[in-house]
Amino acid sequence: MPMTEEPAADELTADELRSLLALEPNATCGFVRVTFVSRQPIAPGGLPAPFADGRPAGSALYFMVTPEAPVRLHRIRNEQLYHYYLGDPLEVFLLYADGTAERVVVGPDLRDGQRVQMLIPGNTFHTARLIGRRRWFLGASTEWPGVVPADVEIGDLDALAARYPAVAADLRAIAASVRHVV
């Protein structure tokens, strides 16, 4: 049987990726599809606050970022690990509780200091945007314990820009790039 030539992942469009992976618009991370929520629960009282009411042991999701659908300024109580899969690099801004900020690039160019995995400590506000050709980024996030809606908080742009003046212009530029996506 002759092999048909399929388009390389780099040739896919954002719309094709969204369709192939059944990604939906998300309030925090561009386009998302939850791919795993552990069936193993951690019982109420099995973890300290703020997880004392119980959680799944872990969760995972695909997420896609585009120029108009960046990672919006938010934090999750849970620790999360970003994974790079395909596309352009993602510039992530981490706003730590001690008042410091860090810029990390998640992407394929290891020689240039990019990372294919990046830990976001729990309760760390963060936002991100595409760099490079600025077409799309496809990655994943795994979280432990598993995330429930109460674990997610949207950041107050003005308050965080005032607290982190070294990255305030970047925070505002990313927020300004958000477009309503359907």
Protein backbone atom coordinates (compact mmCIF):
# COMPACT_ATOMS: atom_id res chain seq x y z
CA MET A 1 0.00 0.00 0.00
CA PRO A 2 1.59 3.35 -0.99
CA MET A 3 2.28 5.76 1.82
CA THR A 4 0.58 9.12 1.60
CA GLU A 5 2.57 12.11 2.61
CA GLU A 6 1.05 13.81 5.65
CA PRO A 7 1.84 17.42 6.48
CA ALA A 8 4.59 17.86 9.03
CA ALA A 9 3.48 19.14 12.42
CA ASP A 10 5.21 22.44 11.67
CA GLU A 11 2.93 22.89 8.65
CA LEU A 12 -0.29 22.58 10.66
CA THR A 13 -2.37 25.67 11.24
CA ALA A 14 -3.76 26.67 14.61
CA ASP A 15 -7.27 25.86 13.35
CA GLU A 16 -6.19 22.37 12.26
CA LEU A 17 -4.57 21.70 15.62
CA ARG A 18 -7.64 22.90 17.50
CA SER A 19 -9.82 20.59 15.42
CA LEU A 20 -7.52 17.54 15.53
CA LEU A 21 -7.09 17.75 19.30
CA ALA A 22 -10.61 18.99 20.10
CA LEU A 23 -9.25 22.05 21.92
CA GLU A 24 -11.74 24.60 23.28
CA PRO A 25 -11.28 28.26 24.27
CA ASN A 26 -10.18 28.57 27.88
CA ALA A 27 -10.25 31.43 30.38
CA THR A 28 -6.55 31.07 31.22
CA CYS A 29 -4.59 29.07 28.65
CA GLY A 30 -5.63 29.87 25.08
CA PHE A 31 -7.25 26.62 23.96
CA VAL A 32 -7.43 23.55 26.18
CA ARG A 33 -8.57 19.95 26.42
CA VAL A 34 -8.31 18.08 29.70
CA THR A 35 -6.80 14.70 28.85
CA PHE A 36 -6.50 13.12 32.30
CA VAL A 37 -8.01 13.40 35.75
CA SER A 38 -6.85 10.70 38.12
CA ARG A 39 -9.49 8.27 39.29
CA GLN A 40 -7.46 7.95 42.46
CA PRO A 41 -8.81 10.55 44.87
CA ILE A 42 -6.97 12.04 47.77
CA ALA A 43 -9.59 11.91 50.50
CA PRO A 44 -10.72 15.00 52.41
CA GLY A 45 -8.19 15.60 55.16
CA GLY A 46 -5.50 13.72 53.23
CA LEU A 47 -3.68 16.92 52.24
CA PRO A 48 -3.01 20.18 54.06
CA ALA A 49 -4.90 23.39 53.27
CA PRO A 50 -5.83 24.59 50.71
CA PHE A 51 -6.39 21.04 49.43
CA ALA A 52 -7.91 19.63 52.64
CA ASP A 53 -11.33 19.14 51.01
CA GLY A 54 -9.86 16.41 48.74
CA ARG A 55 -8.60 16.34 45.16
CA PRO A 56 -7.83 13.92 42.37
CA ALA A 57 -4.23 12.68 42.68
CA GLY A 58 -3.29 14.47 39.43
CA SER A 59 -4.54 15.96 36.19
CA ALA A 60 -3.23 16.81 32.73
CA LEU A 61 -4.28 18.87 29.73
CA TYR A 62 -3.21 19.94 26.27
CA PHE A 63 -3.01 23.68 25.71
CA MET A 64 -2.42 25.77 22.62
CA VAL A 65 -1.38 29.42 22.65
CA THR A 66 -1.76 31.76 19.67
CA PRO A 67 -0.92 35.47 19.33
CA GLU A 68 -4.54 36.36 20.13
CA ALA A 69 -4.95 33.70 22.82
CA PRO A 70 -1.93 33.92 25.16
CA VAL A 71 -1.71 32.46 28.64
CA ARG A 72 -3.61 35.01 30.67
CA LEU A 73 -2.34 36.27 34.00
CA HIS A 74 -3.40 33.70 36.60
CA ARG A 75 -2.23 31.33 39.28
CA ILE A 76 -3.11 27.82 40.28
CA ARG A 77 -2.74 26.58 43.85
CA ASN A 78 -1.29 23.33 42.55
CA GLU A 79 2.21 22.72 41.25
CA GLN A 80 2.20 22.33 37.50
CA LEU A 81 4.69 21.19 34.93
CA TYR A 82 4.58 22.69 31.43
CA HIS A 83 5.68 20.41 28.57
CA TYR A 84 6.66 21.60 25.07
CA TYR A 85 5.25 19.51 22.19
CA LEU A 86 5.18 21.46 18.91
CA GLY A 87 5.36 24.92 17.39
CA ASP A 88 6.90 28.18 18.47
CA PRO A 89 8.57 28.82 21.82
CA LEU A 90 6.53 30.21 24.70
CA GLU A 91 7.93 33.06 26.81
CA VAL A 92 6.63 32.55 30.37
CA PHE A 93 6.71 35.21 33.08
CA LEU A 94 6.69 33.81 36.63
CA LEU A 95 5.76 36.20 39.45
CA TYR A 96 6.98 34.71 42.71
CA ALA A 97 5.44 35.44 46.11
CA ASP A 98 8.73 37.00 47.34
CA GLY A 99 8.36 39.85 44.81
CA THR A 100 10.85 38.51 42.26
CA ALA A 101 10.02 37.65 38.67
CA GLU A 102 11.59 35.26 36.21
CA ARG A 103 11.33 34.88 32.44
CA VAL A 104 11.63 31.32 31.10
CA VAL A 105 11.33 30.17 27.49
CA VAL A 106 9.65 26.82 26.90
CA GLY A 107 10.59 25.50 23.48
CA PRO A 108 12.75 23.15 21.44
CA ASP A 109 16.06 25.06 21.22
CA LEU A 110 17.95 23.55 24.14
CA ARG A 111 21.25 25.07 22.93
CA ASP A 112 19.70 28.52 23.31
CA GLY A 113 18.57 27.81 26.89
CA GLN A 114 14.98 26.92 26.11
CA ARG A 115 13.37 24.19 28.21
CA VAL A 116 11.11 21.37 27.09
CA GLN A 117 9.71 21.16 30.63
CA MET A 118 9.23 23.90 33.22
CA LEU A 119 7.91 23.71 36.78
CA ILE A 120 5.51 26.41 37.94
CA PRO A 121 5.40 26.31 41.75
CA GLY A 122 1.93 26.36 43.28
CA ASN A 123 0.44 29.83 43.88
CA THR A 124 2.77 31.46 41.35
CA PHE A 125 1.10 34.05 39.14
CA HIS A 126 2.18 33.61 35.54
CA THR A 127 1.40 34.65 32.00
CA ALA A 128 2.98 33.78 28.65
CA ARG A 129 3.17 34.72 24.99
CA LEU A 130 4.56 33.33 21.78
CA ILE A 131 7.98 34.26 20.52
CA GLY A 132 9.69 33.25 17.29
CA ARG A 133 7.41 33.14 14.27
CA ARG A 134 4.43 33.75 16.57
CA ARG A 135 2.04 31.27 15.00
CA TRP A 136 1.17 28.78 17.77
CA PHE A 137 2.57 26.76 20.67
CA LEU A 138 1.27 23.32 21.59
CA GLY A 139 2.11 21.98 24.99
CA ALA A 140 0.71 20.27 28.01
CA SER A 141 0.40 20.90 31.69
CA THR A 142 0.38 18.23 34.36
CA GLU A 143 -0.74 19.16 37.84
CA TRP A 144 -0.60 17.61 41.27
CA PRO A 145 -2.78 17.31 43.09
CA GLY A 146 -5.37 17.46 40.34
CA VAL A 147 -6.90 20.87 39.65
CA VAL A 148 -10.50 21.76 40.46
CA PRO A 149 -12.05 25.16 39.53
CA ALA A 150 -11.52 26.55 43.06
CA ASP A 151 -7.75 26.21 42.53
CA VAL A 152 -7.60 28.81 39.72
CA GLU A 153 -7.41 32.58 40.27
CA ILE A 154 -7.26 35.26 37.56
CA GLY A 155 -4.65 37.92 38.38
CA ASP A 156 -5.37 41.61 38.94
CA LEU A 157 -3.24 43.18 36.20
CA ASP A 158 -2.87 46.61 37.83
CA ALA A 159 -1.96 45.23 41.26
CA LEU A 160 0.55 42.74 39.85
CA ALA A 161 2.09 45.28 37.46
CA ALA A 162 2.64 47.59 40.46
CA ARG A 163 4.19 44.79 42.52
CA TYR A 164 6.46 43.59 39.68
CA PRO A 165 7.57 46.81 37.91
CA ALA A 166 10.47 45.09 36.08
CA VAL A 167 7.97 43.07 33.99
CA ALA A 168 4.95 45.41 34.15
CA ALA A 169 5.22 46.44 30.47
CA ASP A 170 5.33 42.77 29.42
CA LEU A 171 2.32 41.91 31.60
CA ARG A 172 0.33 44.77 30.07
CA ALA A 173 1.37 43.88 26.50
CA ILE A 174 0.31 40.25 26.93
CA ALA A 175 -3.03 41.29 28.46
CA ALA A 176 -3.62 43.73 25.59
CA SER A 177 -3.07 40.98 22.99
CA VAL A 178 -6.02 38.88 24.19
CA ARG A 179 -8.83 38.70 21.66
CA HIS A 180 -12.20 37.06 22.07
CA VAL A 181 -11.80 33.63 20.51
CA VAL A 182 -14.52 31.18 19.60
